[in-house]
Amino acid sequence: MQWNRNGIFVCFTISGGDASCYQVTPNTGTLTGNQFCSDAIASGNGYSFSVTDCHGCPPVVISALEVNCDCPTVARDFTSAPIDVCRNEMTPADISFDASNEFLDPDDVLCYFLHSGNNVPLATNSVEPVFGFNPGNMVIGQTYFICPVAGNDDGSGCVDFSDPCLDIGECVEVVFNPLPTATLSGTVGICQGDDPELMINLTGTGPWDITYRNAIGTIFNETATSSSIYSGCDAK
């Protein structure tokens, strides 16, 4: 279980059965692959989740009559606007935050983690909210979340995510964008007096800033929103 100021979250990993069609009932939470995290459950309430797959196998029930958590731990909140970085860049360390309500027990630590929206860590950082793109478990262009988190130290300098008094602060969205590429093609040879036709095929996320130079050294700067054709004497 995880806890924050909004309530208690029940998170678990599903195994066995058909992983392509896992089902959790009631669907009051987020199921990502084989990872499920419930919506917030108020302290003092119970929960019951039935886990199965699309083949109608007997369900596994995960339940508790009552969960209680009276925890003073409060992480700081990020207040930054969404972040966009290229896939070969790290996220900035100076993310703005509000620590006015932050409270740590003597055995608590504050660290940072990256997740895809289900509070399941894809990466952690015990020092600063700096993360890079990992092709092993991340997707270019998808929205991820960087969050401050406070709780008992797991021995590595970051929190023990099984700590029932874990608190996750407000997060900031981050998108890792593809690197742009440009491929030049067009006229190989022209007759004297003719204008060349040059095409630049672009990939990545536009708009693109393009700088090119002709044979006599004149530099041109253009802004493109799609694949662009440049023709005329200026491009000679």
Protein backbone atom coordinates (compact mmCIF):
# COMPACT_ATOMS: atom_id res chain seq x y z
CA MET A 1 0.00 0.00 0.00
CA GLN A 2 0.96 3.61 -0.55
CA TRP A 3 -0.37 6.66 1.26
CA ASN A 4 -0.50 10.34 0.51
CA ARG A 5 -2.54 13.29 1.69
CA ASN A 6 -5.42 12.15 -0.56
CA GLY A 7 -5.74 8.70 1.01
CA ILE A 8 -4.39 5.16 0.73
CA PHE A 9 -3.51 3.47 -2.56
CA VAL A 10 -3.50 -0.30 -3.03
CA CYS A 11 -0.90 -1.32 -5.63
CA PHE A 12 -0.04 -4.83 -6.76
CA THR A 13 1.63 -6.82 -9.55
CA ILE A 14 -0.39 -9.43 -11.47
CA SER A 15 1.25 -12.63 -12.70
CA GLY A 16 0.13 -15.81 -14.45
CA GLY A 17 -2.89 -16.13 -16.74
CA ASP A 18 -3.10 -14.19 -20.00
CA ALA A 19 -1.16 -10.95 -19.57
CA SER A 20 -2.77 -9.47 -22.69
CA CYS A 21 -6.20 -9.22 -21.06
CA TYR A 22 -5.87 -8.83 -17.30
CA GLN A 23 -9.00 -7.47 -15.63
CA VAL A 24 -9.44 -5.86 -12.21
CA THR A 25 -12.94 -5.42 -10.76
CA PRO A 26 -14.05 -2.88 -9.70
CA ASN A 27 -12.02 -0.84 -12.17
CA THR A 28 -11.43 1.98 -9.68
CA GLY A 29 -7.78 2.55 -10.41
CA THR A 30 -5.16 2.33 -13.14
CA LEU A 31 -4.08 -0.94 -14.77
CA THR A 32 -0.89 -0.63 -16.80
CA GLY A 33 0.36 -3.94 -18.14
CA ASN A 34 0.55 -6.14 -15.05
CA GLN A 35 0.69 -3.24 -12.56
CA PHE A 36 -2.45 -2.00 -10.80
CA CYS A 37 -2.83 0.96 -8.44
CA SER A 38 -6.20 1.85 -6.98
CA ASP A 39 -7.71 5.29 -6.68
CA ALA A 40 -7.39 6.90 -3.26
CA ILE A 41 -9.13 5.01 -0.43
CA ALA A 42 -10.02 7.00 2.68
CA SER A 43 -8.45 5.81 5.94
CA GLY A 44 -10.93 3.64 7.82
CA ASN A 45 -12.51 2.16 4.69
CA GLY A 46 -11.94 -1.29 3.24
CA TYR A 47 -11.31 -2.55 -0.27
CA SER A 48 -11.86 -5.65 -2.39
CA PHE A 49 -10.44 -6.23 -5.88
CA SER A 50 -11.12 -9.27 -8.05
CA VAL A 51 -8.32 -10.11 -10.51
CA THR A 52 -8.78 -12.38 -13.53
CA ASP A 53 -8.25 -12.44 -17.31
CA CYS A 54 -10.49 -12.61 -20.39
CA HIS A 55 -10.63 -16.42 -20.32
CA GLY A 56 -12.86 -16.55 -17.25
CA CYS A 57 -10.38 -18.25 -14.94
CA PRO A 58 -11.36 -18.20 -11.24
CA PRO A 59 -10.57 -14.74 -9.87
CA VAL A 60 -8.04 -13.91 -7.19
CA VAL A 61 -9.49 -11.58 -4.56
CA ILE A 62 -7.32 -9.00 -2.82
CA SER A 63 -9.19 -7.39 0.07
CA ALA A 64 -9.09 -5.89 3.53
CA LEU A 65 -11.98 -4.95 5.81
CA GLU A 66 -10.33 -1.73 6.93
CA VAL A 67 -7.16 0.22 6.32
CA ASN A 68 -5.93 2.88 8.68
CA CYS A 69 -3.10 5.30 8.34
CA ASP A 70 -2.40 8.29 10.53
CA CYS A 71 0.83 9.57 9.03
CA PRO A 72 2.33 13.03 9.41
CA THR A 73 4.78 12.62 6.49
CA VAL A 74 4.21 15.17 3.72
CA ALA A 75 6.38 15.56 0.62
CA ARG A 76 6.93 18.86 -1.15
CA ASP A 77 4.90 19.76 -4.27
CA PHE A 78 6.27 20.55 -7.72
CA THR A 79 4.79 23.74 -9.21
CA SER A 80 6.57 23.71 -12.58
CA ALA A 81 4.90 23.79 -15.99
CA PRO A 82 5.18 20.61 -18.10
CA ILE A 83 8.69 19.82 -19.33
CA ASP A 84 9.78 18.90 -22.87
CA VAL A 85 13.27 17.55 -23.53
CA CYS A 86 14.96 15.68 -26.36
CA ARG A 87 15.56 11.97 -25.95
CA ASN A 88 19.31 12.52 -25.45
CA GLU A 89 18.84 15.18 -22.75
CA MET A 90 18.33 14.99 -19.00
CA THR A 91 15.46 16.75 -17.28
CA PRO A 92 16.46 19.99 -15.49
CA ALA A 93 17.43 19.86 -11.83
CA ASP A 94 15.89 23.24 -10.96
CA ILE A 95 12.21 22.26 -11.03
CA SER A 96 10.21 24.82 -9.02
CA PHE A 97 8.51 23.52 -5.89
CA ASP A 98 6.50 24.48 -2.81
CA ALA A 99 7.82 23.06 0.46
CA SER A 100 5.56 25.06 2.77
CA ASN A 101 3.71 21.92 3.94
CA GLU A 102 6.65 19.51 3.81
CA PHE A 103 7.16 17.39 6.92
CA LEU A 104 9.61 14.52 7.38
CA ASP A 105 9.84 12.14 10.34
CA PRO A 106 13.34 11.53 11.73
CA ASP A 107 13.54 8.27 9.75
CA ASP A 108 12.12 9.78 6.53
CA VAL A 109 13.94 10.79 3.35
CA LEU A 110 12.84 12.85 0.40
CA CYS A 111 13.70 11.66 -3.09
CA TYR A 112 12.27 11.68 -6.62
CA PHE A 113 10.85 9.11 -8.99
CA LEU A 114 9.64 8.86 -12.58
CA HIS A 115 6.48 6.95 -13.53
CA SER A 116 4.01 6.61 -16.40
CA GLY A 117 0.90 7.62 -14.48
CA ASN A 118 0.42 4.65 -12.16
CA ASN A 119 2.86 5.59 -9.34
CA VAL A 120 5.01 2.54 -10.19
CA PRO A 121 8.63 3.77 -10.34
CA LEU A 122 10.46 3.48 -13.65
CA ALA A 123 13.48 5.23 -12.13
CA THR A 124 14.43 6.91 -8.84
CA ASN A 125 16.91 9.61 -7.88
CA SER A 126 17.84 10.21 -4.25
CA VAL A 127 19.53 13.57 -4.91
CA GLU A 128 17.66 15.63 -7.51
CA PRO A 129 14.71 15.31 -9.95
CA VAL A 130 16.96 14.55 -12.92
CA PHE A 131 16.02 11.73 -15.30
CA GLY A 132 16.88 10.64 -18.81
CA PHE A 133 15.11 8.56 -21.43
CA ASN A 134 15.47 4.79 -21.02
CA PRO A 135 14.54 2.88 -24.21
CA GLY A 136 14.23 -0.29 -22.15
CA ASN A 137 11.04 0.77 -20.38
CA MET A 138 9.97 4.10 -21.89
CA VAL A 139 8.35 5.32 -25.14
CA ILE A 140 9.32 8.43 -27.09
CA GLY A 141 6.54 11.05 -27.06
CA GLN A 142 4.64 9.55 -24.11
CA THR A 143 3.83 11.67 -21.07
CA TYR A 144 5.66 10.68 -17.89
CA PHE A 145 5.60 12.17 -14.41
CA ILE A 146 8.41 13.25 -12.08
CA CYS A 147 7.29 13.28 -8.46
CA PRO A 148 8.77 14.15 -5.07
CA VAL A 149 8.17 11.35 -2.57
CA ALA A 150 8.79 11.11 1.18
CA GLY A 151 8.89 8.05 3.40
CA ASN A 152 11.14 5.66 5.28
CA ASP A 153 14.65 5.20 3.88
CA ASP A 154 15.09 1.89 2.04
CA GLY A 155 18.83 2.01 2.70
CA SER A 156 19.76 3.49 -0.68
CA GLY A 157 18.87 7.09 0.16
CA CYS A 158 15.46 6.86 -1.48
CA VAL A 159 12.15 5.77 0.02
CA ASP A 160 10.81 2.33 0.74
CA PHE A 161 7.82 2.25 -1.61
CA SER A 162 6.09 -0.30 0.63
CA ASP A 163 6.07 2.20 3.52
CA PRO A 164 2.37 2.63 4.43
CA CYS A 165 3.08 6.28 5.32
CA LEU A 166 4.67 7.07 1.98
CA ASP A 167 3.58 10.48 0.65
CA ILE A 168 3.77 11.53 -3.00
CA GLY A 169 3.68 15.26 -3.70
CA GLU A 170 2.33 17.05 -6.74
CA CYS A 171 4.16 15.89 -9.87
CA VAL A 172 5.33 17.55 -13.07
CA GLU A 173 4.69 16.15 -16.54
CA VAL A 174 7.63 15.41 -18.84
CA VAL A 175 7.79 14.29 -22.47
CA PHE A 176 10.95 12.98 -24.13
CA ASN A 177 10.82 14.00 -27.78
CA PRO A 178 12.53 12.33 -30.77
CA LEU A 179 15.70 13.91 -32.14
CA PRO A 180 15.05 15.79 -35.39
CA THR A 181 16.72 14.65 -38.61
CA ALA A 182 17.06 16.35 -41.98
CA THR A 183 17.76 14.63 -45.34
CA LEU A 184 18.63 16.75 -48.37
CA SER A 185 17.67 15.60 -51.86
CA GLY A 186 16.93 17.17 -55.21
CA THR A 187 18.62 18.26 -58.44
CA VAL A 188 21.97 16.59 -59.09
CA GLY A 189 22.90 18.65 -62.13
CA ILE A 190 21.33 21.69 -63.78
CA CYS A 191 21.82 23.64 -66.96
CA GLN A 192 23.23 27.15 -66.86
CA GLY A 193 20.49 29.61 -66.01
CA ASP A 194 18.16 26.98 -64.53
CA ASP A 195 17.08 27.00 -60.90
CA PRO A 196 17.74 23.94 -58.71
CA GLU A 197 15.00 22.26 -56.71
CA LEU A 198 16.06 21.04 -53.30
CA MET A 199 13.93 19.13 -50.80
CA ILE A 200 14.64 18.72 -47.10
CA ASN A 201 12.77 15.80 -45.54
CA LEU A 202 12.34 16.32 -41.81
CA THR A 203 11.54 14.01 -38.92
CA GLY A 204 10.89 14.83 -35.28
CA THR A 205 8.45 17.31 -33.81
CA GLY A 206 7.97 20.59 -35.65
CA PRO A 207 8.29 23.41 -36.19
CA TRP A 208 11.92 23.06 -37.29
CA ASP A 209 14.59 25.75 -37.60
CA ILE A 210 16.72 25.06 -40.68
CA THR A 211 20.06 26.67 -41.51
CA TYR A 212 21.77 26.04 -44.88
CA ARG A 213 24.50 27.64 -46.98
CA ASN A 214 24.96 27.96 -50.74
CA ALA A 215 28.16 27.48 -52.77
CA ILE A 216 29.33 31.08 -52.28
CA GLY A 217 28.91 30.91 -48.52
CA THR A 218 25.63 32.80 -48.07
CA ILE A 219 23.75 31.46 -45.02
CA PHE A 220 19.95 31.11 -44.99
CA ASN A 221 17.66 30.48 -42.03
CA GLU A 222 14.16 29.05 -42.49
CA THR A 223 11.35 27.80 -40.27
CA ALA A 224 9.37 24.80 -41.50
CA THR A 225 6.26 23.05 -40.22
CA SER A 226 6.52 20.11 -42.65
CA SER A 227 8.83 18.74 -45.36
CA SER A 228 9.93 21.81 -47.30
CA ILE A 229 11.05 22.49 -50.89
CA TYR A 230 13.53 25.27 -51.53
CA SER A 231 14.18 26.34 -55.11
CA GLY A 232 15.60 29.31 -56.94
CA CYS A 233 18.89 31.05 -57.51
CA ASP A 234 19.42 31.75 -53.81
CA ALA A 235 19.93 28.02 -53.20
CA LYS A 236 22.70 27.70 -55.84
